[in-house]
Each structure stands twice: as C-alpha cells, then as structure tokens.
Amino acid sequence: MVERMSKDTPKRATEEVVPTGIRELDSLLGGGLLEDSTLLVVYETASFGWFLAIEVFRRLLSRGGFGVVTNYSFPFLLLERYGNVIHYDVVREGEEGRLVVLDVFGSSLEAGSLLASM
C-alpha cells in the first residue's frame, strides 16, 4: 500500500526529524535535520559561518550524535581556537569519540588520532 500525502501534509511529516536545538534553523529546515542525514555548512572565509557549524555540532553531539569536519581552509590549530572562542573543545570531542576531522588542509598531526590526514 502506498501512503498518499495530501497537499496540506508537509513532505517531511512521515520522516524522522532531529531538531538541532536552534529554533530559527529548525524552522527553516522543517523541524530539524532528517535522521541519519548530512548537514553541509559552507560559508565565506571572512564570515562567522563557522559559528553556526560549531553550534549545531555542539548541540547534536551533546545528544549522542557523531560529527565529521572537513578542514580545508586553515591549520587545525586555528579550528581549535575558533572552537575555544565559543567554549567548544574540538580536541576533547575527538578524544571522546564524538568527532573526527578530515584534514584536507594538511596540518601536522598535532591533535593525534583526532585528525584523519588526507
């Protein structure tokens, strides 16, 4: 049997949605992220787009999620500093198994197993 959706039914009503915990973002996303989905945050180098990405990570990881960061813009130490600015410990998240950084930039492995060098 095929479930039919009326024109009044939101397209995501039958799928599991995971709220990010950021009210405005969840509203734009129709309630949150689809379960087991990927969120890509792309931003201009001089913007504060990184803040949104880290804040979403912080909230989802605190509820049992797992994060992958693709670092291609700057050395890992700068990524770590950005996290520290908003009191988010990127290294601790990696050491505790909630986060891995794919380091396309080519940083040295100063953060140990947290970095997956490309």
PDB file of N, CA and C in Angstrom:
ATOM      1  N   MET A   1       0.840  -1.167   0.000  1.00  0.00           N
ATOM      2  CA  MET A   1       0.000   0.000   0.000  1.00  0.00           C
ATOM      3  C   MET A   1       0.894   1.242   0.000  1.00  0.00           C
ATOM      4  N   VAL A   2       0.639   2.179  -0.837  1.00  0.00           N
ATOM      5  CA  VAL A   2       1.400   3.414  -0.933  1.00  0.00           C
ATOM      6  C   VAL A   2       0.696   4.484  -0.117  1.00  0.00           C
ATOM      7  N   GLU A   3       1.470   5.113   0.780  1.00  0.00           N
ATOM      8  CA  GLU A   3       0.903   6.189   1.593  1.00  0.00           C
ATOM      9  C   GLU A   3       0.838   7.457   0.765  1.00  0.00           C
ATOM     10  N   ARG A   4      -0.333   8.031   0.685  1.00  0.00           N
ATOM     11  CA  ARG A   4      -0.510   9.266  -0.082  1.00  0.00           C
ATOM     12  C   ARG A   4      -0.505  10.452   0.861  1.00  0.00           C
ATOM     13  N   MET A   5       0.108  11.504   0.406  1.00  0.00           N
ATOM     14  CA  MET A   5       0.166  12.723   1.206  1.00  0.00           C
ATOM     15  C   MET A   5      -0.760  13.757   0.578  1.00  0.00           C
ATOM     16  N   SER A   6      -1.564  14.379   1.387  1.00  0.00           N
ATOM     17  CA  SER A   6      -2.421  15.440   0.871  1.00  0.00           C
ATOM     18  C   SER A   6      -1.582  16.678   0.614  1.00  0.00           C
ATOM     19  N   LYS A   7      -2.132  17.644  -0.122  1.00  0.00           N
ATOM     20  CA  LYS A   7      -1.383  18.867  -0.402  1.00  0.00           C
ATOM     21  C   LYS A   7      -1.140  19.679   0.863  1.00  0.00           C
ATOM     22  N   ASP A   8      -1.886  19.372   1.954  1.00  0.00           N
ATOM     23  CA  ASP A   8      -1.715  20.077   3.224  1.00  0.00           C
ATOM     24  C   ASP A   8      -0.689  19.401   4.136  1.00  0.00           C
ATOM     25  N   THR A   9      -0.261  18.202   3.771  1.00  0.00           N
ATOM     26  CA  THR A   9       0.688  17.457   4.594  1.00  0.00           C
ATOM     27  C   THR A   9       2.108  17.872   4.255  1.00  0.00           C
ATOM     28  N   PRO A  10       2.880  18.298   5.255  1.00  0.00           N
ATOM     29  CA  PRO A  10       4.283  18.627   4.978  1.00  0.00           C
ATOM     30  C   PRO A  10       4.999  17.409   4.417  1.00  0.00           C
ATOM     31  N   LYS A  11       5.877  17.612   3.453  1.00  0.00           N
ATOM     32  CA  LYS A  11       6.579  16.498   2.807  1.00  0.00           C
ATOM     33  C   LYS A  11       7.395  15.675   3.791  1.00  0.00           C
ATOM     34  N   ARG A  12       7.828  16.275   4.900  1.00  0.00           N
ATOM     35  CA  ARG A  12       8.690  15.573   5.846  1.00  0.00           C
ATOM     36  C   ARG A  12       7.904  14.935   6.985  1.00  0.00           C
ATOM     37  N   ALA A  13       6.592  14.991   6.935  1.00  0.00           N
ATOM     38  CA  ALA A  13       5.773  14.517   8.049  1.00  0.00           C
ATOM     39  C   ALA A  13       5.978  13.044   8.341  1.00  0.00           C
ATOM     40  N   THR A  14       6.334  12.237   7.355  1.00  0.00           N
ATOM     41  CA  THR A  14       6.467  10.800   7.570  1.00  0.00           C
ATOM     42  C   THR A  14       7.905  10.380   7.879  1.00  0.00           C
ATOM     43  N   GLU A  15       8.837  11.327   7.897  1.00  0.00           N
ATOM     44  CA  GLU A  15      10.230  11.005   8.164  1.00  0.00           C
ATOM     45  C   GLU A  15      10.640  11.513   9.543  1.00  0.00           C
ATOM     46  N   GLU A  16      11.596  10.811  10.161  1.00  0.00           N
ATOM     47  CA  GLU A  16      12.090  11.196  11.474  1.00  0.00           C
ATOM     48  C   GLU A  16      12.954  12.442  11.366  1.00  0.00           C
ATOM     49  N   VAL A  17      12.627  13.459  12.152  1.00  0.00           N
ATOM     50  CA  VAL A  17      13.353  14.721  12.141  1.00  0.00           C
ATOM     51  C   VAL A  17      14.035  14.906  13.486  1.00  0.00           C
ATOM     52  N   VAL A  18      15.290  15.312  13.458  1.00  0.00           N
ATOM     53  CA  VAL A  18      16.066  15.552  14.670  1.00  0.00           C
ATOM     54  C   VAL A  18      16.299  17.061  14.788  1.00  0.00           C
ATOM     55  N   PRO A  19      15.699  17.706  15.787  1.00  0.00           N
ATOM     56  CA  PRO A  19      15.911  19.145  15.948  1.00  0.00           C
ATOM     57  C   PRO A  19      17.368  19.453  16.270  1.00  0.00           C
ATOM     58  N   THR A  20      17.865  20.561  15.714  1.00  0.00           N
ATOM     59  CA  THR A  20      19.224  20.985  16.024  1.00  0.00           C
ATOM     60  C   THR A  20      19.275  21.694  17.367  1.00  0.00           C
ATOM     61  N   GLY A  21      18.129  22.175  17.821  1.00  0.00           N
ATOM     62  CA  GLY A  21      18.078  22.944  19.058  1.00  0.00           C
ATOM     63  C   GLY A  21      18.225  24.434  18.825  1.00  0.00           C
ATOM     64  N   ILE A  22      18.380  24.830  17.569  1.00  0.00           N
ATOM     65  CA  ILE A  22      18.428  26.242  17.205  1.00  0.00           C
ATOM     66  C   ILE A  22      17.093  26.546  16.537  1.00  0.00           C
ATOM     67  N   ARG A  23      16.238  27.239  17.239  1.00  0.00           N
ATOM     68  CA  ARG A  23      14.849  27.439  16.815  1.00  0.00           C
ATOM     69  C   ARG A  23      14.732  27.941  15.378  1.00  0.00           C
ATOM     70  N   GLU A  24      15.473  28.984  15.035  1.00  0.00           N
ATOM     71  CA  GLU A  24      15.374  29.575  13.698  1.00  0.00           C
ATOM     72  C   GLU A  24      15.821  28.593  12.617  1.00  0.00           C
ATOM     73  N   LEU A  25      16.910  27.870  12.861  1.00  0.00           N
ATOM     74  CA  LEU A  25      17.404  26.895  11.893  1.00  0.00           C
ATOM     75  C   LEU A  25      16.417  25.745  11.741  1.00  0.00           C
ATOM     76  N   ASP A  26      15.894  25.250  12.849  1.00  0.00           N
ATOM     77  CA  ASP A  26      14.920  24.162  12.788  1.00  0.00           C
ATOM     78  C   ASP A  26      13.686  24.578  11.996  1.00  0.00           C
ATOM     79  N   SER A  27      13.269  25.817  12.157  1.00  0.00           N
ATOM     80  CA  SER A  27      12.125  26.322  11.406  1.00  0.00           C
ATOM     81  C   SER A  27      12.412  26.305   9.907  1.00  0.00           C
ATOM     82  N   LEU A  28      13.603  26.757   9.513  1.00  0.00           N
ATOM     83  CA  LEU A  28      13.981  26.755   8.099  1.00  0.00           C
ATOM     84  C   LEU A  28      14.076  25.341   7.527  1.00  0.00           C
ATOM     85  N   LEU A  29      14.460  24.391   8.374  1.00  0.00           N
ATOM     86  CA  LEU A  29      14.648  23.006   7.932  1.00  0.00           C
ATOM     87  C   LEU A  29      13.392  22.151   8.072  1.00  0.00           C
ATOM     88  N   GLY A  30      12.276  22.748   8.404  1.00  0.00           N
ATOM     89  CA  GLY A  30      11.039  21.979   8.554  1.00  0.00           C
ATOM     90  C   GLY A  30      11.000  21.170   9.833  1.00  0.00           C
ATOM     91  N   GLY A  31      11.659  21.634  10.870  1.00  0.00           N
ATOM     92  CA  GLY A  31      11.651  20.953  12.162  1.00  0.00           C
ATOM     93  C   GLY A  31      13.018  20.483  12.604  1.00  0.00           C
ATOM     94  N   GLY A  32      13.949  20.379  11.691  1.00  0.00           N
ATOM     95  CA  GLY A  32      15.289  19.922  12.026  1.00  0.00           C
ATOM     96  C   GLY A  32      15.894  19.144  10.872  1.00  0.00           C
ATOM     97  N   LEU A  33      16.902  18.369  11.176  1.00  0.00           N
ATOM     98  CA  LEU A  33      17.582  17.539  10.175  1.00  0.00           C
ATOM     99  C   LEU A  33      16.895  16.194  10.065  1.00  0.00           C
ATOM    100  N   LEU A  34      16.891  15.622   8.877  1.00  0.00           N
ATOM    101  CA  LEU A  34      16.404  14.256   8.747  1.00  0.00           C
ATOM    102  C   LEU A  34      17.364  13.330   9.481  1.00  0.00           C
ATOM    103  N   GLU A  35      16.821  12.358  10.189  1.00  0.00           N
ATOM    104  CA  GLU A  35      17.668  11.415  10.914  1.00  0.00           C
ATOM    105  C   GLU A  35      18.630  10.735   9.947  1.00  0.00           C
ATOM    106  N   ASP A  36      19.880  10.569  10.377  1.00  0.00           N
ATOM    107  CA  ASP A  36      20.949   9.953   9.581  1.00  0.00           C
ATOM    108  C   ASP A  36      21.268  10.744   8.313  1.00  0.00           C
ATOM    109  N   SER A  37      21.056  12.044   8.351  1.00  0.00           N
ATOM    110  CA  SER A  37      21.356  12.873   7.189  1.00  0.00           C
ATOM    111  C   SER A  37      22.670  13.614   7.398  1.00  0.00           C
ATOM    112  N   THR A  38      23.045  14.375   6.399  1.00  0.00           N
ATOM    113  CA  THR A  38      24.270  15.163   6.435  1.00  0.00           C
ATOM    114  C   THR A  38      23.912  16.631   6.303  1.00  0.00           C
ATOM    115  N   LEU A  39      24.540  17.462   7.108  1.00  0.00           N
ATOM    116  CA  LEU A  39      24.367  18.906   7.004  1.00  0.00           C
ATOM    117  C   LEU A  39      25.701  19.495   6.583  1.00  0.00           C
ATOM    118  N   LEU A  40      25.711  20.206   5.480  1.00  0.00           N
ATOM    119  CA  LEU A  40      26.914  20.866   4.996  1.00  0.00           C
ATOM    120  C   LEU A  40      26.740  22.357   5.204  1.00  0.00           C
ATOM    121  N   VAL A  41      27.656  22.955   5.955  1.00  0.00           N
ATOM    122  CA  VAL A  41      27.629  24.395   6.179  1.00  0.00           C
ATOM    123  C   VAL A  41      28.799  24.984   5.401  1.00  0.00           C
ATOM    124  N   VAL A  42      28.493  25.787   4.396  1.00  0.00           N
ATOM    125  CA  VAL A  42      29.508  26.439   3.574  1.00  0.00           C
ATOM    126  C   VAL A  42      29.395  27.929   3.838  1.00  0.00           C
ATOM    127  N   TYR A  43      30.526  28.577   4.013  1.00  0.00           N
ATOM    128  CA  TYR A  43      30.498  29.993   4.359  1.00  0.00           C
ATOM    129  C   TYR A  43      31.709  30.702   3.764  1.00  0.00           C
ATOM    130  N   GLU A  44      31.599  31.997   3.649  1.00  0.00           N
ATOM    131  CA  GLU A  44      32.706  32.821   3.170  1.00  0.00           C
ATOM    132  C   GLU A  44      33.808  32.842   4.224  1.00  0.00           C
ATOM    133  N   THR A  45      35.038  32.897   3.791  1.00  0.00           N
ATOM    134  CA  THR A  45      36.190  32.855   4.686  1.00  0.00           C
ATOM    135  C   THR A  45      36.132  33.924   5.771  1.00  0.00           C
ATOM    136  N   ALA A  46      35.721  35.122   5.438  1.00  0.00           N
ATOM    137  CA  ALA A  46      35.721  36.223   6.406  1.00  0.00           C
ATOM    138  C   ALA A  46      34.436  36.314   7.222  1.00  0.00           C
ATOM    139  N   SER A  47      33.543  35.348   7.070  1.00  0.00           N
ATOM    140  CA  SER A  47      32.267  35.409   7.781  1.00  0.00           C
ATOM    141  C   SER A  47      32.343  34.624   9.094  1.00  0.00           C
ATOM    142  N   PHE A  48      31.247  34.638   9.817  1.00  0.00           N
ATOM    143  CA  PHE A  48      31.155  33.847  11.047  1.00  0.00           C
ATOM    144  C   PHE A  48      30.320  32.585  10.818  1.00  0.00           C
ATOM    145  N   GLY A  49      30.286  32.092   9.581  1.00  0.00           N
ATOM    146  CA  GLY A  49      29.553  30.866   9.275  1.00  0.00           C
ATOM    147  C   GLY A  49      30.044  29.680  10.080  1.00  0.00           C
ATOM    148  N   TRP A  50      31.322  29.689  10.431  1.00  0.00           N
ATOM    149  CA  TRP A  50      31.888  28.609  11.232  1.00  0.00           C
ATOM    150  C   TRP A  50      31.166  28.494  12.571  1.00  0.00           C
ATOM    151  N   PHE A  51      30.675  29.622  13.076  1.00  0.00           N
ATOM    152  CA  PHE A  51      29.988  29.605  14.368  1.00  0.00           C
ATOM    153  C   PHE A  51      28.731  28.742  14.298  1.00  0.00           C
ATOM    154  N   LEU A  52      27.960  28.873  13.213  1.00  0.00           N
ATOM    155  CA  LEU A  52      26.750  28.069  13.047  1.00  0.00           C
ATOM    156  C   LEU A  52      27.102  26.589  13.027  1.00  0.00           C
ATOM    157  N   ALA A  53      28.120  26.232  12.252  1.00  0.00           N
ATOM    158  CA  ALA A  53      28.514  24.827  12.165  1.00  0.00           C
ATOM    159  C   ALA A  53      28.919  24.266  13.526  1.00  0.00           C
ATOM    160  N   ILE A  54      29.737  25.001  14.245  1.00  0.00           N
ATOM    161  CA  ILE A  54      30.191  24.515  15.558  1.00  0.00           C
ATOM    162  C   ILE A  54      29.029  24.444  16.546  1.00  0.00           C
ATOM    163  N   GLU A  55      28.125  25.402  16.496  1.00  0.00           N
ATOM    164  CA  GLU A  55      26.988  25.388  17.417  1.00  0.00           C
ATOM    165  C   GLU A  55      26.054  24.209  17.128  1.00  0.00           C
ATOM    166  N   VAL A  56      25.809  23.909  15.857  1.00  0.00           N
ATOM    167  CA  VAL A  56      24.999  22.733  15.510  1.00  0.00           C
ATOM    168  C   VAL A  56      25.700  21.474  16.013  1.00  0.00           C
ATOM    169  N   PHE A  57      27.022  21.382  15.771  1.00  0.00           N
ATOM    170  CA  PHE A  57      27.789  20.236  16.269  1.00  0.00           C
ATOM    171  C   PHE A  57      27.641  20.105  17.778  1.00  0.00           C
ATOM    172  N   ARG A  58      27.867  21.202  18.469  1.00  0.00           N
ATOM    173  CA  ARG A  58      27.816  21.164  19.933  1.00  0.00           C
ATOM    174  C   ARG A  58      26.477  20.594  20.413  1.00  0.00           C
ATOM    175  N   ARG A  59      25.404  21.080  19.843  1.00  0.00           N
ATOM    176  CA  ARG A  59      24.074  20.648  20.283  1.00  0.00           C
ATOM    177  C   ARG A  59      23.774  19.201  19.909  1.00  0.00           C
ATOM    178  N   LEU A  60      24.094  18.796  18.687  1.00  0.00           N
ATOM    179  CA  LEU A  60      23.802  17.431  18.263  1.00  0.00           C
ATOM    180  C   LEU A  60      24.705  16.418  18.958  1.00  0.00           C
ATOM    181  N   LEU A  61      25.983  16.737  19.117  1.00  0.00           N
ATOM    182  CA  LEU A  61      26.898  15.821  19.772  1.00  0.00           C
ATOM    183  C   LEU A  61      26.563  15.655  21.245  1.00  0.00           C
ATOM    184  N   SER A  62      26.044  16.694  21.876  1.00  0.00           N
ATOM    185  CA  SER A  62      25.669  16.591  23.289  1.00  0.00           C
ATOM    186  C   SER A  62      24.489  15.642  23.481  1.00  0.00           C
ATOM    187  N   ARG A  63      23.775  15.342  22.384  1.00  0.00           N
ATOM    188  CA  ARG A  63      22.643  14.418  22.455  1.00  0.00           C
ATOM    189  C   ARG A  63      22.965  13.067  21.816  1.00  0.00           C
ATOM    190  N   GLY A  64      24.266  12.754  21.705  1.00  0.00           N
ATOM    191  CA  GLY A  64      24.663  11.430  21.233  1.00  0.00           C
ATOM    192  C   GLY A  64      25.007  11.333  19.761  1.00  0.00           C
ATOM    193  N   GLY A  65      25.076  12.445  19.042  1.00  0.00           N
ATOM    194  CA  GLY A  65      25.420  12.417  17.628  1.00  0.00           C
ATOM    195  C   GLY A  65      26.911  12.223  17.406  1.00  0.00           C
ATOM    196  N   PHE A  66      27.299  12.075  16.154  1.00  0.00           N
ATOM    197  CA  PHE A  66      28.704  11.946  15.763  1.00  0.00           C
ATOM    198  C   PHE A  66      28.965  12.939  14.644  1.00  0.00           C
ATOM    199  N   GLY A  67      30.110  13.639  14.684  1.00  0.00           N
ATOM    200  CA  GLY A  67      30.401  14.670  13.696  1.00  0.00           C
ATOM    201  C   GLY A  67      31.667  14.418  12.923  1.00  0.00           C
ATOM    202  N   VAL A  68      31.639  14.826  11.660  1.00  0.00           N
ATOM    203  CA  VAL A  68      32.815  14.789  10.789  1.00  0.00           C
ATOM    204  C   VAL A  68      33.015  16.197  10.253  1.00  0.00           C
ATOM    205  N   VAL A  69      34.207  16.755  10.483  1.00  0.00           N
ATOM    206  CA  VAL A  69      34.553  18.084   9.985  1.00  0.00           C
ATOM    207  C   VAL A  69      35.564  17.916   8.871  1.00  0.00           C
ATOM    208  N   THR A  70      35.298  18.532   7.723  1.00  0.00           N
ATOM    209  CA  THR A  70      36.270  18.564   6.640  1.00  0.00           C
ATOM    210  C   THR A  70      36.989  19.897   6.734  1.00  0.00           C
ATOM    211  N   ASN A  71      38.259  19.839   7.101  1.00  0.00           N
ATOM    212  CA  ASN A  71      39.052  21.045   7.302  1.00  0.00           C
ATOM    213  C   ASN A  71      39.935  21.267   6.079  1.00  0.00           C
ATOM    214  N   TYR A  72      39.576  22.274   5.267  1.00  0.00           N
ATOM    215  CA  TYR A  72      40.364  22.549   4.077  1.00  0.00           C
ATOM    216  C   TYR A  72      40.789  24.008   3.974  1.00  0.00           C
ATOM    217  N   SER A  73      40.450  24.827   4.974  1.00  0.00           N
ATOM    218  CA  SER A  73      40.703  26.263   4.867  1.00  0.00           C
ATOM    219  C   SER A  73      41.884  26.773   5.669  1.00  0.00           C
ATOM    220  N   PHE A  74      42.207  26.132   6.777  1.00  0.00           N
ATOM    221  CA  PHE A  74      43.247  26.662   7.651  1.00  0.00           C
ATOM    222  C   PHE A  74      43.809  25.551   8.534  1.00  0.00           C
ATOM    223  N   PRO A  75      44.955  25.776   9.163  1.00  0.00           N
ATOM    224  CA  PRO A  75      45.547  24.747  10.029  1.00  0.00           C
ATOM    225  C   PRO A  75      44.608  24.345  11.161  1.00  0.00           C
ATOM    226  N   PHE A  76      44.753  23.113  11.595  1.00  0.00           N
ATOM    227  CA  PHE A  76      43.893  22.589  12.653  1.00  0.00           C
ATOM    228  C   PHE A  76      43.924  23.467  13.906  1.00  0.00           C
ATOM    229  N   LEU A  77      45.079  23.988  14.243  1.00  0.00           N
ATOM    230  CA  LEU A  77      45.178  24.813  15.448  1.00  0.00           C
ATOM    231  C   LEU A  77      44.227  26.010  15.396  1.00  0.00           C
ATOM    232  N   LEU A  78      43.985  26.552  14.204  1.00  0.00           N
ATOM    233  CA  LEU A  78      43.037  27.656  14.072  1.00  0.00           C
ATOM    234  C   LEU A  78      41.604  27.159  14.272  1.00  0.00           C
ATOM    235  N   LEU A  79      41.296  25.982  13.758  1.00  0.00           N
ATOM    236  CA  LEU A  79      39.975  25.371  14.007  1.00  0.00           C
ATOM    237  C   LEU A  79      39.761  25.182  15.508  1.00  0.00           C
ATOM    238  N   GLU A  80      40.792  24.712  16.185  1.00  0.00           N
ATOM    239  CA  GLU A  80      40.718  24.522  17.630  1.00  0.00           C
ATOM    240  C   GLU A  80      40.476  25.859  18.338  1.00  0.00           C
ATOM    241  N   ARG A  81      41.173  26.912  17.913  1.00  0.00           N
ATOM    242  CA  ARG A  81      40.983  28.242  18.515  1.00  0.00           C
ATOM    243  C   ARG A  81      39.584  28.769  18.289  1.00  0.00           C
ATOM    244  N   TYR A  82      39.046  28.587  17.081  1.00  0.00           N
ATOM    245  CA  TYR A  82      37.672  29.021  16.805  1.00  0.00           C
ATOM    246  C   TYR A  82      36.707  28.340  17.771  1.00  0.00           C
ATOM    247  N   GLY A  83      36.903  27.051  17.987  1.00  0.00           N
ATOM    248  CA  GLY A  83      36.054  26.339  18.940  1.00  0.00           C
ATOM    249  C   GLY A  83      36.192  26.898  20.338  1.00  0.00           C
ATOM    250  N   ASN A  84      37.421  27.189  20.744  1.00  0.00           N
ATOM    251  CA  ASN A  84      37.654  27.728  22.081  1.00  0.00           C
ATOM    252  C   ASN A  84      36.989  29.078  22.299  1.00  0.00           C
ATOM    253  N   VAL A  85      36.877  29.883  21.215  1.00  0.00           N
ATOM    254  CA  VAL A  85      36.232  31.194  21.317  1.00  0.00           C
ATOM    255  C   VAL A  85      34.806  31.059  21.841  1.00  0.00           C
ATOM    256  N   ILE A  86      34.134  29.998  21.432  1.00  0.00           N
ATOM    257  CA  ILE A  86      32.742  29.799  21.885  1.00  0.00           C
ATOM    258  C   ILE A  86      32.649  28.668  22.927  1.00  0.00           C
ATOM    259  N   HIS A  87      33.782  28.407  23.585  1.00  0.00           N
ATOM    260  CA  HIS A  87      33.843  27.415  24.666  1.00  0.00           C
ATOM    261  C   HIS A  87      33.454  26.015  24.191  1.00  0.00           C
ATOM    262  N   TYR A  88      33.993  25.645  23.030  1.00  0.00           N
ATOM    263  CA  TYR A  88      33.759  24.313  22.459  1.00  0.00           C
ATOM    264  C   TYR A  88      35.111  23.656  22.250  1.00  0.00           C
ATOM    265  N   ASP A  89      35.342  22.552  22.943  1.00  0.00           N
ATOM    266  CA  ASP A  89      36.636  21.884  22.909  1.00  0.00           C
ATOM    267  C   ASP A  89      36.652  20.804  21.824  1.00  0.00           C
ATOM    268  N   VAL A  90      37.129  21.174  20.638  1.00  0.00           N
ATOM    269  CA  VAL A  90      37.176  20.268  19.495  1.00  0.00           C
ATOM    270  C   VAL A  90      38.040  19.046  19.816  1.00  0.00           C
ATOM    271  N   VAL A  91      39.170  19.252  20.457  1.00  0.00           N
ATOM    272  CA  VAL A  91      40.072  18.144  20.783  1.00  0.00           C
ATOM    273  C   VAL A  91      39.396  17.154  21.732  1.00  0.00           C
ATOM    274  N   ARG A  92      38.754  17.648  22.792  1.00  0.00           N
ATOM    275  CA  ARG A  92      38.067  16.756  23.730  1.00  0.00           C
ATOM    276  C   ARG A  92      36.979  15.944  23.036  1.00  0.00           C
ATOM    277  N   GLU A  93      36.202  16.598  22.154  1.00  0.00           N
ATOM    278  CA  GLU A  93      35.139  15.886  21.423  1.00  0.00           C
ATOM    279  C   GLU A  93      35.745  14.738  20.612  1.00  0.00           C
ATOM    280  N   GLY A  94      36.893  14.978  19.975  1.00  0.00           N
ATOM    281  CA  GLY A  94      37.556  13.935  19.209  1.00  0.00           C
ATOM    282  C   GLY A  94      38.097  12.823  20.087  1.00  0.00           C
ATOM    283  N   GLU A  95      38.716  13.201  21.187  1.00  0.00           N
ATOM    284  CA  GLU A  95      39.272  12.194  22.101  1.00  0.00           C
ATOM    285  C   GLU A  95      38.185  11.320  22.713  1.00  0.00           C
ATOM    286  N   GLU A  96      36.997  11.885  22.870  1.00  0.00           N
ATOM    287  CA  GLU A  96      35.882  11.127  23.450  1.00  0.00           C
ATOM    288  C   GLU A  96      35.065  10.392  22.383  1.00  0.00           C
ATOM    289  N   GLY A  97      35.526  10.424  21.127  1.00  0.00           N
ATOM    290  CA  GLY A  97      34.913   9.623  20.069  1.00  0.00           C
ATOM    291  C   GLY A  97      33.645  10.188  19.453  1.00  0.00           C
ATOM    292  N   ARG A  98      33.404  11.481  19.617  1.00  0.00           N
ATOM    293  CA  ARG A  98      32.191  12.078  19.048  1.00  0.00           C
ATOM    294  C   ARG A  98      32.460  12.858  17.773  1.00  0.00           C
ATOM    295  N   LEU A  99      33.742  13.053  17.424  1.00  0.00           N
ATOM    296  CA  LEU A  99      34.088  13.937  16.323  1.00  0.00           C
ATOM    297  C   LEU A  99      35.397  13.500  15.682  1.00  0.00           C
ATOM    298  N   VAL A 100      35.466  13.580  14.359  1.00  0.00           N
ATOM    299  CA  VAL A 100      36.718  13.365  13.635  1.00  0.00           C
ATOM    300  C   VAL A 100      36.871  14.508  12.637  1.00  0.00           C
ATOM    301  N   VAL A 101      38.118  14.909  12.407  1.00  0.00           N
ATOM    302  CA  VAL A 101      38.417  15.989  11.470  1.00  0.00           C
ATOM    303  C   VAL A 101      39.169  15.394  10.280  1.00  0.00           C
ATOM    304  N   LEU A 102      38.589  15.530   9.084  1.00  0.00           N
ATOM    305  CA  LEU A 102      39.276  15.146   7.859  1.00  0.00           C
ATOM    306  C   LEU A 102      40.115  16.345   7.444  1.00  0.00           C
ATOM    307  N   ASP A 103      41.410  16.237   7.609  1.00  0.00           N
ATOM    308  CA  ASP A 103      42.286  17.382   7.437  1.00  0.00           C
ATOM    309  C   ASP A 103      42.826  17.454   6.020  1.00  0.00           C
ATOM    310  N   VAL A 104      42.055  18.057   5.129  1.00  0.00           N
ATOM    311  CA  VAL A 104      42.463  18.245   3.745  1.00  0.00           C
ATOM    312  C   VAL A 104      43.510  19.342   3.652  1.00  0.00           C
ATOM    313  N   PHE A 105      43.497  20.281   4.589  1.00  0.00           N
ATOM    314  CA  PHE A 105      44.446  21.394   4.605  1.00  0.00           C
ATOM    315  C   PHE A 105      45.883  20.900   4.692  1.00  0.00           C
ATOM    316  N   GLY A 106      46.107  19.813   5.426  1.00  0.00           N
ATOM    317  CA  GLY A 106      47.449  19.250   5.535  1.00  0.00           C
ATOM    318  C   GLY A 106      48.171  19.627   6.807  1.00  0.00           C
ATOM    319  N   SER A 107      47.428  19.892   7.887  1.00  0.00           N
ATOM    320  CA  SER A 107      48.058  20.197   9.168  1.00  0.00           C
ATOM    321  C   SER A 107      48.877  19.004   9.626  1.00  0.00           C
ATOM    322  N   SER A 108      49.859  19.276  10.462  1.00  0.00           N
ATOM    323  CA  SER A 108      50.582  18.157  11.066  1.00  0.00           C
ATOM    324  C   SER A 108      49.630  17.487  12.037  1.00  0.00           C
ATOM    325  N   LEU A 109      49.934  16.301  12.441  1.00  0.00           N
ATOM    326  CA  LEU A 109      49.035  15.551  13.311  1.00  0.00           C
ATOM    327  C   LEU A 109      49.193  15.938  14.771  1.00  0.00           C
ATOM    328  N   GLU A 110      49.208  17.240  15.062  1.00  0.00           N
ATOM    329  CA  GLU A 110      49.403  17.701  16.432  1.00  0.00           C
ATOM    330  C   GLU A 110      48.247  17.305  17.350  1.00  0.00           C
ATOM    331  N   ALA A 111      47.099  16.965  16.787  1.00  0.00           N
ATOM    332  CA  ALA A 111      45.964  16.577  17.611  1.00  0.00           C
ATOM    333  C   ALA A 111      45.812  15.063  17.687  1.00  0.00           C
ATOM    334  N   GLY A 112      46.822  14.334  17.300  1.00  0.00           N
ATOM    335  CA  GLY A 112      46.812  12.879  17.404  1.00  0.00           C
ATOM    336  C   GLY A 112      45.749  12.239  16.540  1.00  0.00           C
ATOM    337  N   SER A 113      45.037  11.256  17.079  1.00  0.00           N
ATOM    338  CA  SER A 113      44.087  10.478  16.309  1.00  0.00           C
ATOM    339  C   SER A 113      42.837  11.235  15.916  1.00  0.00           C
ATOM    340  N   LEU A 114      42.666  12.442  16.427  1.00  0.00           N
ATOM    341  CA  LEU A 114      41.506  13.250  16.063  1.00  0.00           C
ATOM    342  C   LEU A 114      41.528  13.602  14.587  1.00  0.00           C
ATOM    343  N   LEU A 115      42.733  13.768  14.015  1.00  0.00           N
ATOM    344  CA  LEU A 115      42.854  14.149  12.613  1.00  0.00           C
ATOM    345  C   LEU A 115      42.998  12.912  11.734  1.00  0.00           C
ATOM    346  N   ALA A 116      42.230  12.888  10.673  1.00  0.00           N
ATOM    347  CA  ALA A 116      42.398  11.868   9.655  1.00  0.00           C
ATOM    348  C   ALA A 116      43.033  12.569   8.467  1.00  0.00           C
ATOM    349  N   SER A 117      44.324  12.389   8.276  1.00  0.00           N
ATOM    350  CA  SER A 117      45.056  13.130   7.254  1.00  0.00           C
ATOM    351  C   SER A 117      44.698  12.613   5.872  1.00  0.00           C
ATOM    352  N   MET A 118      44.532  13.547   4.925  1.00  0.00           N
ATOM    353  CA  MET A 118      44.178  13.183   3.547  1.00  0.00           C
ATOM    354  C   MET A 118      45.437  13.166   2.705  1.00  0.00           C
TER     355      MET A 118
END
